Protein backbone atom coordinates (compact mmCIF):
# COMPACT_ATOMS: atom_id res chain seq x y z
CA MET A 1 107.00 46.54 208.58
CA GLY A 2 106.93 48.77 211.65
CA ASN A 3 110.72 48.69 212.00
CA THR A 4 111.16 49.47 208.29
CA LEU A 5 108.78 52.43 208.50
CA SER A 6 110.50 53.83 211.59
CA THR A 7 113.90 53.45 209.90
CA ILE A 8 112.64 55.35 206.85
CA VAL A 9 111.15 58.14 208.99
CA ILE A 10 114.27 58.48 211.16
CA SER A 11 116.56 58.42 208.11
CA VAL A 12 114.54 61.08 206.26
CA LEU A 13 114.60 63.30 209.36
CA VAL A 14 118.36 62.82 209.82
CA PHE A 15 119.19 63.44 206.16
CA GLY A 16 116.84 66.43 206.10
CA ALA A 17 118.46 67.94 209.19
CA LEU A 18 122.00 67.48 207.86
CA ILE A 19 121.07 68.92 204.46
CA PHE A 20 119.35 71.86 206.18
CA ILE A 21 122.46 72.55 208.29
CA HIS A 22 124.67 72.40 205.20
CA GLU A 23 122.51 74.76 203.14
CA LEU A 24 122.01 77.04 206.15
CA GLY A 25 125.77 77.53 206.19
CA HIS A 26 125.73 78.72 202.57
CA PHE A 27 122.66 80.88 203.24
CA LEU A 28 124.00 82.65 206.34
CA ALA A 29 127.40 83.25 204.72
CA ALA A 30 125.71 84.65 201.60
CA LYS A 31 123.57 87.00 203.67
CA TRP A 32 126.66 88.12 205.61
CA ALA A 33 128.51 88.77 202.34
CA GLY A 34 125.61 90.86 201.03
CA ILE A 35 124.72 88.41 198.25
CA ARG A 36 121.17 88.33 196.93
CA VAL A 37 119.63 84.91 197.68
CA ASN A 38 116.71 84.10 195.35
CA GLU A 39 115.71 80.76 196.90
CA PHE A 40 116.49 78.58 199.89
CA SER A 41 115.25 75.05 199.18
CA LEU A 42 115.14 71.90 201.27
CA GLY A 43 114.71 68.91 198.96
CA MET A 44 114.81 68.60 195.18
CA GLY A 45 112.21 68.26 192.45
CA PRO A 46 108.66 69.72 192.38
CA VAL A 47 107.77 72.38 194.96
CA ILE A 48 105.44 71.19 197.73
CA PHE A 49 105.41 74.42 199.72
CA GLN A 50 106.91 77.82 199.09
CA ARG A 51 106.78 81.13 200.94
CA GLN A 52 108.25 84.41 199.79
CA LYS A 53 109.84 86.54 202.47
CA GLY A 54 111.58 89.64 201.24
CA GLU A 55 113.81 88.84 198.29
CA THR A 56 114.09 85.11 199.12
CA ALA A 57 111.67 82.26 198.40
CA TYR A 58 111.77 79.50 201.02
CA SER A 59 110.83 76.13 199.49
CA LEU A 60 110.13 72.57 200.50
CA ARG A 61 110.47 70.18 197.56
CA ALA A 62 109.25 66.65 196.95
CA PHE A 63 112.43 64.55 197.12
CA PRO A 64 114.47 64.68 200.36
CA ILE A 65 117.76 63.93 198.60
CA GLY A 66 119.38 67.34 198.72
CA GLY A 67 118.78 71.05 198.83
CA PHE A 68 120.20 74.27 197.46
CA VAL A 69 120.69 77.98 197.97
CA SER A 70 120.10 79.82 194.70
CA MET A 71 122.18 82.99 194.62
CA GLU A 72 121.96 85.74 192.03
CA GLY A 73 124.80 85.40 189.51
CA GLU A 74 125.97 82.08 190.92
CA ASP A 75 126.14 80.16 187.63
CA ASP A 76 126.11 82.99 185.09
CA GLY A 77 126.79 86.70 184.82
CA SER A 78 124.68 89.43 186.42
CA ASN A 79 124.74 93.21 186.52
CA ASP A 80 123.42 93.22 190.10
CA GLU A 81 126.13 94.54 192.40
CA ARG A 82 124.88 92.06 195.03
CA ALA A 83 125.33 89.08 192.68
CA PHE A 84 127.60 86.23 193.74
CA CYS A 85 129.80 86.68 190.66
CA ASN A 86 130.44 90.34 191.52
CA LYS A 87 131.72 89.70 195.05
CA SER A 88 135.38 89.32 195.97
CA VAL A 89 137.05 85.92 195.66
CA GLY A 90 137.46 85.83 199.43
CA LYS A 91 133.74 86.27 200.08
CA ARG A 92 132.81 83.71 197.43
CA PHE A 93 135.30 81.26 198.95
CA LEU A 94 133.72 81.74 202.38
CA VAL A 95 130.19 81.23 201.05
CA ILE A 96 131.07 78.02 199.19
CA SER A 97 133.00 76.52 202.11
CA ALA A 98 130.41 77.49 204.76
CA GLY A 99 128.15 74.49 204.09
CA ALA A 100 130.84 71.92 204.81
CA MET A 101 132.07 73.95 207.79
CA MET A 102 128.56 73.85 209.29
CA ASN A 103 128.50 70.05 208.92
CA LEU A 104 131.85 69.77 210.67
CA LEU A 105 130.73 72.18 213.41
CA LEU A 106 127.59 70.12 213.97
CA GLY A 107 129.72 66.98 214.25
CA PHE A 108 131.89 68.65 216.88
CA LEU A 109 128.85 69.78 218.90
CA LEU A 110 127.36 66.29 218.73
CA MET A 111 130.66 64.89 219.99
CA ILE A 112 130.54 67.28 222.95
CA LEU A 113 127.02 66.05 223.70
CA LEU A 114 128.15 62.43 223.42
CA VAL A 115 131.09 62.98 225.76
CA CYS A 116 128.81 64.73 228.27
CA MET A 117 126.46 61.73 228.18
CA GLY A 118 129.32 59.35 229.02
CA ASN A 119 130.59 58.45 232.46
CA ALA A 120 134.10 59.77 231.93
CA VAL A 121 136.56 61.20 229.41
CA GLY A 122 138.73 58.50 227.86
CA THR A 123 142.53 58.57 227.90
CA THR A 124 145.25 56.59 226.17
CA GLN A 125 146.71 55.28 229.44
CA ILE A 126 146.39 51.54 230.04
CA SER A 127 144.38 50.67 233.16
CA GLN A 128 144.24 46.87 232.95
CA PHE A 129 144.70 43.85 230.70
CA GLY A 130 142.10 41.27 229.78
CA GLU A 131 142.41 37.58 230.52
CA GLY A 132 145.05 35.93 228.37
CA ALA A 133 146.32 39.27 227.06
CA VAL A 134 149.21 38.80 224.65
CA SER A 135 150.30 42.44 224.49
CA SER A 136 151.15 42.46 228.22
CA GLN A 137 154.51 40.95 227.24
CA TRP A 138 155.43 44.39 225.88
CA LEU A 139 153.00 46.83 227.47
CA GLN A 140 152.44 47.59 231.16
CA VAL A 141 149.63 49.01 233.28
CA ASP A 142 149.92 52.83 233.45
CA ASP A 143 151.72 53.02 230.07
CA GLU A 144 150.42 56.06 228.19
CA ILE A 145 150.22 55.24 224.48
CA VAL A 146 151.63 58.14 222.43
CA SER A 147 151.75 56.71 218.91
CA VAL A 148 150.96 53.55 216.96
CA ASN A 149 153.05 52.77 213.87
CA GLY A 150 154.30 56.35 213.91
CA HIS A 151 150.83 57.91 214.04
CA ARG A 152 150.03 60.15 217.02
CA VAL A 153 147.07 59.00 219.11
CA ARG A 154 145.09 61.25 221.45
CA THR A 155 141.88 59.31 222.09
CA PRO A 156 140.83 55.67 222.45
CA ASN A 157 139.18 56.05 219.03
CA ASP A 158 142.61 56.85 217.54
CA ILE A 159 144.01 53.66 219.03
CA SER A 160 141.12 51.57 217.71
CA TYR A 161 141.47 53.08 214.23
CA GLU A 162 145.22 52.47 214.01
CA PHE A 163 144.70 48.89 215.19
CA MET A 164 141.93 48.43 212.61
CA ASN A 165 144.36 49.30 209.80
CA GLU A 166 146.68 46.40 210.67
CA ASP A 167 146.16 42.89 209.34
CA ASP A 168 149.00 40.96 211.00
CA GLY A 169 148.58 41.92 214.66
CA VAL A 170 152.12 43.30 214.99
CA LEU A 171 152.66 47.00 215.69
CA ASP A 172 155.33 49.48 216.67
CA MET A 173 154.23 51.64 219.59
CA GLU A 174 155.60 54.58 221.56
CA VAL A 175 154.57 54.90 225.19
CA ILE A 176 155.36 57.06 228.18
CA ARG A 177 156.45 54.83 231.06
CA ASP A 178 157.57 56.30 234.39
CA GLY A 179 157.91 59.71 232.74
CA GLU A 180 160.12 58.48 229.88
CA LYS A 181 159.25 57.86 226.25
CA ILE A 182 159.90 54.29 225.20
CA ASN A 183 159.74 52.82 221.69
CA LEU A 184 158.36 49.29 221.55
CA SER A 185 158.86 47.30 218.37
CA GLY A 186 156.85 44.25 217.35
CA VAL A 187 154.07 44.56 219.94
CA THR A 188 151.87 41.56 219.14
CA PHE A 189 148.12 41.07 219.52
CA ASP A 190 145.80 38.16 218.84
CA MET A 191 143.71 38.35 215.69
CA GLN A 192 139.98 37.55 215.62
CA ASP A 193 137.50 36.83 212.84
CA ILE A 194 135.01 39.64 212.19
CA GLY A 195 133.10 38.01 209.34
CA ASP A 196 133.31 37.98 205.52
CA GLY A 197 136.71 36.32 205.78
CA LEU A 198 138.21 39.37 207.49
CA LYS A 199 140.29 39.50 210.67
CA ALA A 200 141.01 42.31 213.12
CA ILE A 201 143.21 42.88 216.15
CA ARG A 202 141.68 41.93 219.48
CA ILE A 203 142.37 44.85 221.78
CA ASP A 204 143.25 43.08 225.03
CA PHE A 205 143.59 46.07 227.34
CA LYS A 206 141.43 48.86 228.73
CA VAL A 207 142.29 52.51 229.31
CA TYR A 208 141.61 54.87 232.19
CA GLY A 209 138.77 57.36 232.19
CA VAL A 210 139.02 60.71 233.96
CA GLN A 211 136.29 62.87 235.44
CA LYS A 212 134.50 65.18 233.01
CA THR A 213 135.19 68.90 233.40
CA ILE A 214 134.40 72.01 231.41
CA TRP A 215 138.10 72.08 230.47
CA ASN A 216 138.63 68.56 229.17
CA VAL A 217 135.32 67.81 227.40
CA PRO A 218 135.70 70.25 224.42
CA PRO A 219 139.33 69.28 223.62
CA TYR A 220 138.44 65.58 223.82
CA ALA A 221 135.39 66.09 221.56
CA PHE A 222 137.56 68.04 219.12
CA ASN A 223 140.23 65.31 219.01
CA TRP A 224 137.51 62.69 218.53
CA SER A 225 136.07 64.71 215.63
CA VAL A 226 139.52 65.04 214.05
CA SER A 227 139.99 61.30 214.45
CA ILE A 228 136.79 60.66 212.48
CA MET A 229 137.91 63.15 209.81
CA LYS A 230 141.15 61.20 209.42
CA GLN A 231 139.15 57.99 209.06
CA VAL A 232 137.07 59.56 206.29
CA TRP A 233 140.15 60.80 204.41
CA SER A 234 141.83 57.41 204.81
CA SER A 235 138.73 55.63 203.50
CA LEU A 236 138.57 57.94 200.48
CA ILE A 237 142.24 57.31 199.71
CA LYS A 238 141.67 53.55 199.96
CA MET A 239 138.71 53.87 197.62
CA VAL A 240 140.74 55.80 195.03
CA THR A 241 143.68 53.38 195.27
CA GLY A 242 141.43 50.34 194.91
CA GLN A 243 141.84 49.00 198.47
CA PHE A 244 138.05 49.29 198.88
CA THR A 245 135.74 47.50 196.47
CA LEU A 246 132.30 48.67 195.38
CA ASN A 247 130.74 46.09 197.69
CA GLN A 248 132.28 47.86 200.69
CA LEU A 249 130.74 51.25 199.85
CA SER A 250 127.37 52.40 201.14
CA GLY A 251 124.91 54.87 199.62
CA PRO A 252 121.72 56.40 201.04
CA VAL A 253 120.01 53.00 201.42
CA GLY A 254 122.94 51.50 203.30
CA VAL A 255 123.33 54.57 205.48
CA ALA A 256 119.60 54.53 206.26
CA SER A 257 119.91 50.90 207.35
CA THR A 258 122.85 51.81 209.59
CA ILE A 259 120.88 54.68 211.13
CA GLY A 260 118.01 52.30 211.85
CA GLU A 261 120.34 49.80 213.53
CA ALA A 262 121.96 52.57 215.61
CA ALA A 263 118.55 53.89 216.68
CA SER A 264 117.60 50.44 217.97
CA MET A 265 120.77 50.39 220.09
CA GLY A 266 120.04 53.61 221.96
CA LEU A 267 120.42 57.38 221.90
CA ASP A 268 124.20 57.44 222.24
CA SER A 269 124.66 55.11 219.25
CA THR A 270 122.26 57.25 217.20
CA ILE A 271 124.13 60.45 218.07
CA LEU A 272 127.46 58.81 217.20
CA ILE A 273 126.31 57.65 213.76
CA ILE A 274 124.77 61.07 213.01
CA ALA A 275 128.00 62.78 214.05
CA PHE A 276 129.96 60.40 211.82
CA ILE A 277 127.66 61.07 208.86
CA THR A 278 127.74 64.87 209.19
CA ILE A 279 131.55 64.89 209.52
CA ASN A 280 131.69 62.56 206.52
CA LEU A 281 129.51 64.97 204.53
CA GLY A 282 131.69 67.91 205.52
CA VAL A 283 134.92 66.22 204.47
CA PHE A 284 133.45 64.72 201.29
CA ASN A 285 132.04 68.07 200.15
CA LEU A 286 135.47 69.68 200.42
CA LEU A 287 137.04 67.23 197.97
CA PRO A 288 138.32 69.06 194.87
CA PHE A 289 135.94 67.15 192.60
CA PRO A 290 133.60 68.79 190.05
CA ALA A 291 130.01 69.38 191.24
CA LEU A 292 131.11 69.31 194.90
CA ASP A 293 131.80 72.43 196.96
CA GLY A 294 135.47 71.48 196.92
CA GLY A 295 135.44 71.55 193.12
CA ARG A 296 134.08 75.10 193.13
CA LEU A 297 136.67 76.08 195.73
CA PHE A 298 139.35 74.66 193.41
CA PHE A 299 138.15 76.94 190.60
CA LEU A 300 138.28 79.89 193.00
CA LEU A 301 141.86 79.02 193.92
CA ILE A 302 142.73 79.00 190.21
CA GLU A 303 141.08 82.40 189.90
CA MET A 304 143.19 83.71 192.78
CA ILE A 305 146.35 82.49 191.04
CA ARG A 306 145.38 83.69 187.53
CA ARG A 307 143.77 86.89 188.85
CA LYS A 308 140.86 86.30 186.51
CA PRO A 309 137.98 83.80 186.61
CA ILE A 310 137.56 80.68 184.50
CA LYS A 311 134.90 81.17 181.83
CA PRO A 312 131.52 80.17 183.37
CA GLU A 313 130.68 77.87 180.45
CA TYR A 314 133.91 75.88 180.94
CA GLU A 315 133.27 75.55 184.66
CA GLY A 316 129.71 74.51 183.85
CA TYR A 317 130.88 71.75 181.50
CA VAL A 318 133.26 70.37 184.11
CA ASN A 319 130.65 70.49 186.90
CA THR A 320 128.05 68.79 184.69
CA ALA A 321 130.47 65.97 183.89
CA GLY A 322 131.32 65.63 187.58
CA LEU A 323 127.64 65.54 188.53
CA LEU A 324 126.96 62.76 186.01
CA ILE A 325 129.84 60.73 187.42
CA LEU A 326 128.59 61.21 190.98
CA LEU A 327 125.02 60.25 190.02
CA GLY A 328 126.29 57.15 188.25
CA LEU A 329 128.38 56.16 191.27
CA MET A 330 125.42 56.77 193.60
CA ALA A 331 123.18 54.63 191.39
CA MET A 332 125.65 51.72 191.46
CA VAL A 333 126.21 51.98 195.22
CA THR A 334 122.45 52.21 195.87
CA PHE A 335 121.83 49.14 193.71
CA ASN A 336 124.54 47.34 195.68
CA ASP A 337 122.88 48.41 198.98
CA VAL A 338 119.53 47.03 197.85
CA ILE A 339 121.08 43.71 196.79
CA LYS A 340 122.82 43.37 200.18
CA LEU A 341 119.53 44.09 202.01
CA ILE A 342 117.68 41.47 199.95
CA PHE A 343 120.21 38.67 200.33
CA ARG A 344 121.62 39.29 203.78
């Protein structure tokens, strides 16, 4: 019971913080653009607490499942010159994209913190092989891995991700050896069971770490963040193309369980999962799907091309349909999360 309660508390705090950061991005961008903000709300549903400061009401609502920034003229017309609808397309584009950008920025900052907490900055240069390593027939100590199956790698996380996408243990790799680029075909690794009938490559080598400096920590954190973004995009593509099933998706309940498990493993694991979630939120919100920020950005791009806006009622119909689809998907995924928790 104690572990469950702590998981719930930690998850609510994490979700609340990430939602706050997202909405703060919209809010600050709106203020910068001179848009009238009527309400800044953390949470949804009935108001628990509200305070009016100037033209904006700051609210805390009952259900910690979202938040919003209510701008004048955001969803309908307004004669107010400071209304969202009366600002330039460029300013509206900035305001809508600012929430996701704040999530991505937070992920990058958390990655910097995580790298600073580590002993060294990872490289892609092989330092040693494990006992019984199969790949040593092709690879050598001091090889710097440049690409795996044609995909550029810059961090150990890139290597792990490219290996994770293979199911036969055979890869094509490009390395720098003695100052020369060498292409290695058919580099073979052992496969190991990871549960649920799935197998994964056993990485049988380690890479060098270099001393942390003010010059190498930010670029490494940035590359690590980009690596996670690529993982998110790849996962979304697999979901759309049917390579992921509903059972492999996680909603708020599943994510909360993951946060709880990470918290029990230590601060660095907790920071990593939070960074992954906030980057995930940033990327997901930029998808050109109705009801998401990316869907609204798509309508703004159409307006730029047509040089006139889509009728608000049409955009409203599309966003409502998109919202219903998202809520339905969330309900199914949440139900699946609960079932997995009960029978695991």
